[in-house]
Amino acid sequence: MDLINPKLLMSSIAILPVFLLGTNWGVHKLQRWLIYPSYHPSGSRTEVDKPDKYGLPFEEVQIPVADGIKLHAYIMLQDPKSPDYTGKTVLMLGPNAGNIGHTLPIAELFYNKMKYNVVTYSYRGYGLSTGEPSEAGIKLDSQYLLRFLKDHPVIKETSLILYGRSLGGAVAIHFATLPESRGFLQGIILENTFLTIPKLIPSVIPIFRPLSFLVTEVWDSEKTILSINDVNPDVPILFLAGARDDVVPPKHFRKLYDDCLCKRKLFRILPDGAHNNTVLQPNYWDYVYQFILTLVEPIEGEAKEGEDLNDDDIEVLLRMAEAEQEEQNIQGDAKEE
């Protein structure tokens, strides 16, 4: 008597590739769904605030990418003829949820308080940008965004500063290794960024620890950050770390700083900062402003008396933004129910 039915064995062998393919496809789709929750909060793919809601002048553009994707972006320009014109542009690279409308309170700080040009865009598959998010796709988008900025009649004459939070930090690190960024990129600000997605999984989703080897959306900033020095060795980098980050273990971010080969780097700790509220912590905006003011070319000098960016009006503005985000979350939960 055969212990294994030959016909059953042959049938199983025939089905195995289909099973493995299906499993791989399922894992691939699941990880993208988890890593890129562009659907959260509810309405994020269709409801995108415009800068004029905050009284900001802006240009709305669609940036084409080679694979047919179109990136939705806002460009907020200062008057180059103004005596206060700084000649600096902040490119905002957001976290992995929401859309560029949710980042506009921060854009207002950069624009109104610091007097910098601001550019913010939605990754592919986010907000009003087309396509679906992926590491390869977002990296490709970075190349075309960089070319767009270098061709822009105003922005090409300014110093570019990358401001990346969480996933946006990983995007910024990649951006800084693009050869075309050399000479144009003059500063990088990173907040609460991870080493790699596989190394992040055990702390974020412990149950998936055994499956971390299946992750294809890697975002290996631990390796990529070493290459910044090859392209932009003189670019200053500010690392802003929330000591109570409940998503990205602080040791991830500290290792990125330690491994970074760039000589002009600063590490600042926000003692009570969690992953989503580090931006609200005391001294956060002082650190940001002083960094750009004194280390990013062209050097503007020291902050003037009365220009402390930790004052009451900024605190109120950020609290309003936080309350608005919470309201959107509540509304989203109500719709789902």
Protein backbone atom coordinates (compact mmCIF):
# COMPACT_ATOMS: atom_id res chain seq x y z
CA MET A 1 0.00 0.00 0.00
CA ASP A 2 1.39 3.38 -1.00
CA LEU A 3 1.84 5.78 1.92
CA ILE A 4 1.43 8.68 -0.49
CA ASN A 5 -1.04 8.62 -3.32
CA PRO A 6 1.02 9.33 -6.49
CA LYS A 7 -1.89 11.15 -8.15
CA LEU A 8 -2.45 13.29 -5.06
CA LEU A 9 1.26 14.05 -4.90
CA MET A 10 1.35 15.11 -8.54
CA SER A 11 -1.75 17.26 -8.05
CA SER A 12 -0.18 18.92 -5.01
CA ILE A 13 3.03 19.62 -6.91
CA ALA A 14 1.03 21.16 -9.72
CA ILE A 15 -0.95 23.37 -7.34
CA LEU A 16 2.05 24.41 -5.20
CA PRO A 17 3.33 27.15 -7.56
CA VAL A 18 -0.15 28.65 -7.73
CA PHE A 19 -0.44 28.51 -3.93
CA LEU A 20 2.95 30.13 -3.41
CA LEU A 21 2.19 32.76 -6.04
CA GLY A 22 -1.12 33.52 -4.38
CA THR A 23 0.47 33.68 -0.94
CA ASN A 24 3.20 35.98 -2.18
CA TRP A 25 0.65 38.21 -3.90
CA GLY A 26 -1.43 38.33 -0.72
CA VAL A 27 1.55 39.22 1.47
CA HIS A 28 2.65 41.82 -1.08
CA LYS A 29 -0.79 43.49 -1.11
CA LEU A 30 -1.13 43.28 2.68
CA GLN A 31 2.20 44.93 3.39
CA ARG A 32 1.46 47.83 1.05
CA TRP A 33 -1.94 48.25 2.68
CA LEU A 34 -0.29 48.42 6.10
CA ILE A 35 2.74 50.53 5.18
CA TYR A 36 0.88 53.06 3.02
CA PRO A 37 -2.53 53.78 4.66
CA SER A 38 -3.33 56.55 2.20
CA TYR A 39 -7.02 55.97 2.92
CA HIS A 40 -6.66 57.23 6.52
CA PRO A 41 -8.23 59.35 7.83
CA SER A 42 -11.43 58.72 5.92
CA GLY A 43 -11.73 60.91 2.82
CA SER A 44 -7.99 61.44 2.43
CA ARG A 45 -8.03 60.30 -1.20
CA THR A 46 -10.71 62.80 -2.23
CA GLU A 47 -10.85 65.67 0.29
CA VAL A 48 -7.69 67.77 0.12
CA ASP A 49 -7.54 71.25 1.65
CA LYS A 50 -5.95 74.03 -0.37
CA PRO A 51 -3.41 76.55 0.96
CA ASP A 52 -5.85 79.44 0.57
CA LYS A 53 -7.72 77.98 3.54
CA TYR A 54 -4.78 79.31 5.56
CA GLY A 55 -4.43 82.50 3.56
CA LEU A 56 -1.42 81.25 1.61
CA PRO A 57 -0.87 82.14 -2.06
CA PHE A 58 -0.21 79.02 -4.10
CA GLU A 59 0.12 77.34 -7.44
CA GLU A 60 -1.49 73.93 -7.87
CA VAL A 61 0.36 71.63 -10.25
CA GLN A 62 0.37 68.07 -11.57
CA ILE A 63 3.90 66.73 -11.99
CA PRO A 64 4.12 63.95 -14.63
CA VAL A 65 6.24 60.85 -14.03
CA ALA A 66 7.61 58.56 -16.74
CA ASP A 67 5.25 55.66 -15.90
CA GLY A 68 2.16 57.84 -16.39
CA ILE A 69 1.64 58.82 -12.76
CA LYS A 70 0.74 62.44 -11.97
CA LEU A 71 1.77 63.93 -8.66
CA HIS A 72 -0.48 66.52 -7.06
CA ALA A 73 1.50 69.40 -5.55
CA TYR A 74 1.18 72.88 -4.06
CA ILE A 75 3.86 75.52 -4.56
CA MET A 76 3.84 78.51 -2.21
CA LEU A 77 6.25 81.23 -3.29
CA GLN A 78 7.49 84.30 -1.47
CA ASP A 79 8.01 87.53 -3.42
CA PRO A 80 11.61 87.43 -4.71
CA LYS A 81 11.61 91.24 -4.75
CA SER A 82 10.77 91.51 -1.06
CA PRO A 83 13.57 92.80 1.21
CA ASP A 84 12.82 89.83 3.50
CA TYR A 85 13.27 87.26 0.73
CA THR A 86 15.52 84.44 1.96
CA GLY A 87 16.09 82.47 -1.22
CA LYS A 88 15.23 79.20 0.53
CA THR A 89 12.65 76.54 -0.34
CA VAL A 90 11.35 73.86 2.01
CA LEU A 91 10.19 70.61 0.39
CA MET A 92 7.81 68.87 2.78
CA LEU A 93 7.86 65.06 2.76
CA GLY A 94 4.99 63.75 4.82
CA PRO A 95 4.36 60.65 6.92
CA ASN A 96 2.58 57.56 5.64
CA ALA A 97 -1.01 58.64 6.28
CA GLY A 98 -3.20 61.57 5.28
CA ASN A 99 -2.57 64.00 2.44
CA ILE A 100 -0.89 67.34 1.80
CA GLY A 101 -3.93 69.22 3.05
CA HIS A 102 -3.21 67.89 6.54
CA THR A 103 0.32 69.35 6.47
CA LEU A 104 -0.72 72.89 5.59
CA PRO A 105 -0.58 74.23 9.19
CA ILE A 106 3.12 73.34 9.16
CA ALA A 107 3.50 74.86 5.69
CA GLU A 108 2.03 78.05 7.12
CA LEU A 109 4.78 78.17 9.75
CA PHE A 110 7.49 77.82 7.14
CA TYR A 111 5.84 80.37 4.87
CA ASN A 112 4.55 83.07 7.23
CA LYS A 113 6.92 82.82 10.21
CA MET A 114 10.16 81.86 8.51
CA LYS A 115 9.48 83.49 5.13
CA TYR A 116 10.52 80.45 3.08
CA ASN A 117 9.07 79.12 -0.15
CA VAL A 118 7.21 75.87 0.46
CA VAL A 119 6.53 72.89 -1.79
CA THR A 120 4.38 69.98 -0.68
CA TYR A 121 3.15 67.05 -2.73
CA SER A 122 1.26 63.81 -2.29
CA TYR A 123 3.09 60.56 -2.94
CA ARG A 124 1.62 58.42 -5.69
CA GLY A 125 -1.57 56.81 -4.44
CA TYR A 126 -2.07 59.54 -1.84
CA GLY A 127 -4.50 62.45 -1.94
CA LEU A 128 -5.15 63.51 -5.52
CA SER A 129 -2.00 61.92 -6.94
CA THR A 130 -2.71 58.98 -9.23
CA GLY A 131 -1.52 55.38 -8.97
CA GLU A 132 -0.77 53.14 -6.00
CA PRO A 133 2.02 53.70 -3.47
CA SER A 134 5.15 51.56 -3.52
CA GLU A 135 8.79 52.04 -2.61
CA ALA A 136 9.96 51.79 -6.21
CA GLY A 137 7.25 54.17 -7.37
CA ILE A 138 7.84 56.80 -4.70
CA LYS A 139 11.57 56.71 -5.42
CA LEU A 140 10.90 57.20 -9.11
CA ASP A 141 8.62 60.11 -8.25
CA SER A 142 11.50 61.72 -6.33
CA GLN A 143 13.60 61.87 -9.47
CA TYR A 144 10.89 63.62 -11.48
CA LEU A 145 10.01 65.96 -8.63
CA LEU A 146 13.67 66.96 -8.36
CA ARG A 147 13.83 67.67 -12.08
CA PHE A 148 10.64 69.70 -11.86
CA LEU A 149 12.04 71.82 -9.03
CA LYS A 150 15.34 72.38 -10.81
CA ASP A 151 13.45 73.55 -13.89
CA HIS A 152 11.11 75.87 -11.98
CA PRO A 153 11.98 79.50 -12.82
CA VAL A 154 11.96 80.63 -9.18
CA ILE A 155 12.80 77.53 -7.15
CA LYS A 156 15.84 76.63 -9.23
CA GLU A 157 17.51 79.81 -7.96
CA THR A 158 16.94 78.92 -4.28
CA SER A 159 18.49 76.62 -1.70
CA LEU A 160 16.46 73.44 -1.23
CA ILE A 161 15.75 72.07 2.26
CA LEU A 162 14.16 68.66 2.76
CA TYR A 163 11.79 68.28 5.71
CA GLY A 164 10.86 64.62 6.20
CA ARG A 165 8.80 63.11 8.99
CA SER A 166 8.65 59.34 9.62
CA LEU A 167 8.27 57.75 6.14
CA GLY A 168 9.04 61.19 4.75
CA GLY A 169 12.44 60.94 6.41
CA ALA A 170 13.17 57.76 4.45
CA VAL A 171 12.10 59.55 1.26
CA ALA A 172 14.35 62.50 2.15
CA ILE A 173 17.34 60.23 2.73
CA HIS A 174 16.84 58.65 -0.70
CA PHE A 175 16.30 62.07 -2.29
CA ALA A 176 19.63 63.27 -0.88
CA THR A 177 21.48 60.49 -2.71
CA LEU A 178 20.19 61.48 -6.16
CA PRO A 179 23.14 62.86 -8.18
CA GLU A 180 21.03 65.70 -9.56
CA SER A 181 20.53 67.05 -6.02
CA ARG A 182 24.21 67.97 -5.71
CA GLY A 183 24.63 71.72 -5.32
CA PHE A 184 20.87 72.32 -5.16
CA LEU A 185 20.19 70.55 -1.87
CA GLN A 186 21.44 72.67 1.04
CA GLY A 187 19.80 71.19 4.14
CA ILE A 188 17.95 68.15 5.49
CA ILE A 189 15.62 67.90 8.49
CA LEU A 190 14.60 64.41 9.63
CA GLU A 191 12.09 63.50 12.31
CA ASN A 192 11.45 60.06 13.88
CA THR A 193 12.66 57.96 10.95
CA PHE A 194 13.22 54.20 11.02
CA LEU A 195 16.20 52.09 9.95
CA THR A 196 14.27 49.72 7.66
CA ILE A 197 10.69 48.47 7.44
CA PRO A 198 11.68 44.85 8.28
CA LYS A 199 13.48 46.05 11.43
CA LEU A 200 10.47 48.17 12.35
CA ILE A 201 7.90 45.36 12.11
CA PRO A 202 8.73 43.61 15.41
CA SER A 203 7.96 46.75 17.39
CA VAL A 204 4.93 47.90 15.37
CA ILE A 205 3.27 44.57 14.56
CA PRO A 206 4.93 41.93 16.79
CA ILE A 207 2.72 39.13 15.45
CA PHE A 208 4.26 39.60 12.00
CA ARG A 209 7.86 39.28 13.26
CA PRO A 210 8.29 35.79 11.72
CA LEU A 211 7.17 37.15 8.34
CA SER A 212 9.48 40.16 8.23
CA PHE A 213 11.74 38.35 5.76
CA LEU A 214 8.88 38.49 3.22
CA VAL A 215 8.81 42.29 3.23
CA THR A 216 9.56 43.79 -0.18
CA GLU A 217 8.87 47.41 0.78
CA VAL A 218 12.18 47.74 2.61
CA TRP A 219 13.12 51.45 2.69
CA ASP A 220 16.66 50.65 3.81
CA SER A 221 17.62 54.04 5.24
CA GLU A 222 20.25 52.33 7.38
CA LYS A 223 22.20 51.62 4.20
CA THR A 224 21.11 54.58 2.09
CA ILE A 225 22.15 57.22 4.63
CA LEU A 226 25.76 56.16 4.14
CA SER A 227 25.56 57.34 0.52
CA ILE A 228 24.53 60.92 1.28
CA ASN A 229 28.15 61.74 1.96
CA ASP A 230 29.06 60.60 -1.56
CA VAL A 231 26.68 63.07 -3.20
CA ASN A 232 26.14 65.85 -0.66
CA PRO A 233 29.01 65.69 1.86
CA ASP A 234 28.69 69.32 2.96
CA VAL A 235 24.92 69.37 3.47
CA PRO A 236 23.92 69.93 7.13
CA ILE A 237 21.43 67.48 8.62
CA LEU A 238 19.18 68.01 11.65
CA PHE A 239 17.84 64.89 13.42
CA LEU A 240 14.78 65.54 15.61
CA ALA A 241 13.93 62.62 17.90
CA GLY A 242 10.91 62.08 20.11
CA ALA A 243 12.24 60.23 23.17
CA ARG A 244 8.84 58.62 23.74
CA ASP A 245 8.22 57.57 20.16
CA ASP A 246 5.69 54.74 20.39
CA VAL A 247 6.06 53.63 16.74
CA VAL A 248 9.71 53.98 15.75
CA PRO A 249 12.08 52.85 18.52
CA PRO A 250 14.32 55.85 19.33
CA LYS A 251 17.37 53.61 18.92
CA HIS A 252 16.53 53.36 15.19
CA PHE A 253 16.83 57.10 14.74
CA ARG A 254 19.91 57.38 16.91
CA LYS A 255 21.67 54.74 14.82
CA LEU A 256 20.85 56.68 11.65
CA TYR A 257 22.55 59.69 13.19
CA ASP A 258 25.54 57.70 14.38
CA ASP A 259 26.00 56.00 11.00
CA CYS A 260 25.61 59.18 8.95
CA LEU A 261 29.01 60.11 7.54
CA CYS A 262 28.18 63.77 6.96
CA LYS A 263 30.23 66.02 9.22
CA ARG A 264 27.62 68.76 9.67
CA LYS A 265 24.96 66.90 11.62
CA LEU A 266 22.98 67.74 14.74
CA PHE A 267 20.90 65.50 17.03
CA ARG A 268 18.14 67.05 19.11
CA ILE A 269 15.96 65.13 21.56
CA LEU A 270 12.41 66.14 22.45
CA PRO A 271 11.97 64.39 25.85
CA ASP A 272 8.17 64.09 25.78
CA GLY A 273 7.80 63.61 22.03
CA ALA A 274 5.77 60.61 20.85
CA HIS A 275 5.67 59.60 17.19
CA ASN A 276 2.78 61.84 16.19
CA ASN A 277 3.26 64.80 18.51
CA THR A 278 7.00 65.47 18.40
CA VAL A 279 6.20 68.40 16.12
CA LEU A 280 4.19 69.95 18.97
CA GLN A 281 6.94 69.78 21.56
CA PRO A 282 8.59 72.86 23.14
CA ASN A 283 11.79 73.92 21.36
CA TYR A 284 10.98 71.88 18.23
CA TRP A 285 10.47 74.90 16.02
CA ASP A 286 13.34 76.78 17.59
CA TYR A 287 15.61 73.89 16.62
CA VAL A 288 14.24 73.92 13.07
CA TYR A 289 14.44 77.67 12.61
CA GLN A 290 17.92 78.07 14.08
CA PHE A 291 19.17 75.19 11.93
CA ILE A 292 17.91 76.73 8.69
CA LEU A 293 18.81 80.25 9.74
CA THR A 294 22.41 79.58 10.66
CA LEU A 295 23.53 76.45 8.78
CA VAL A 296 21.69 76.47 5.46
CA GLU A 297 23.16 78.67 2.74
CA PRO A 298 22.66 81.54 2.34
CA ILE A 299 23.34 82.12 6.04
CA GLU A 300 20.89 84.63 7.47
CA GLY A 301 22.69 85.21 10.78
CA GLU A 302 21.24 84.94 14.26
CA ALA A 303 17.56 85.14 15.08
CA LYS A 304 16.41 88.63 15.96
CA GLU A 305 14.85 89.66 19.23
CA GLY A 306 11.15 88.78 19.22
CA GLU A 307 11.43 86.12 16.51
CA ASP A 308 11.32 83.16 18.87
CA LEU A 309 9.35 80.49 17.02
CA ASN A 310 8.13 78.92 20.24
CA ASP A 311 5.81 81.84 20.97
CA ASP A 312 2.09 81.72 21.77
CA ASP A 313 0.68 82.23 18.29
CA ILE A 314 2.60 79.25 16.88
CA GLU A 315 1.56 77.07 19.78
CA VAL A 316 -2.08 78.02 19.22
CA LEU A 317 -1.75 77.31 15.50
CA LEU A 318 -0.34 73.85 16.09
CA ARG A 319 -2.95 73.02 18.72
CA MET A 320 -5.64 74.01 16.23
CA ALA A 321 -4.09 71.72 13.64
CA GLU A 322 -3.99 68.87 16.15
CA ALA A 323 -7.64 69.43 17.11
CA GLU A 324 -8.66 69.55 13.44
CA GLN A 325 -6.87 66.26 12.77
CA GLU A 326 -8.60 64.65 15.77
CA GLU A 327 -11.96 65.88 14.48
CA GLN A 328 -11.25 64.35 11.08
CA ASN A 329 -10.40 61.04 12.75
CA ILE A 330 -13.66 61.09 14.72
CA GLN A 331 -15.67 61.90 11.60
CA GLY A 332 -13.89 59.12 9.73
CA ASP A 333 -14.70 56.61 12.47
CA ALA A 334 -18.35 57.75 12.46
CA LYS A 335 -18.62 57.21 8.69
CA GLU A 336 -17.16 53.73 8.97
CA GLU A 337 -19.73 52.84 11.63
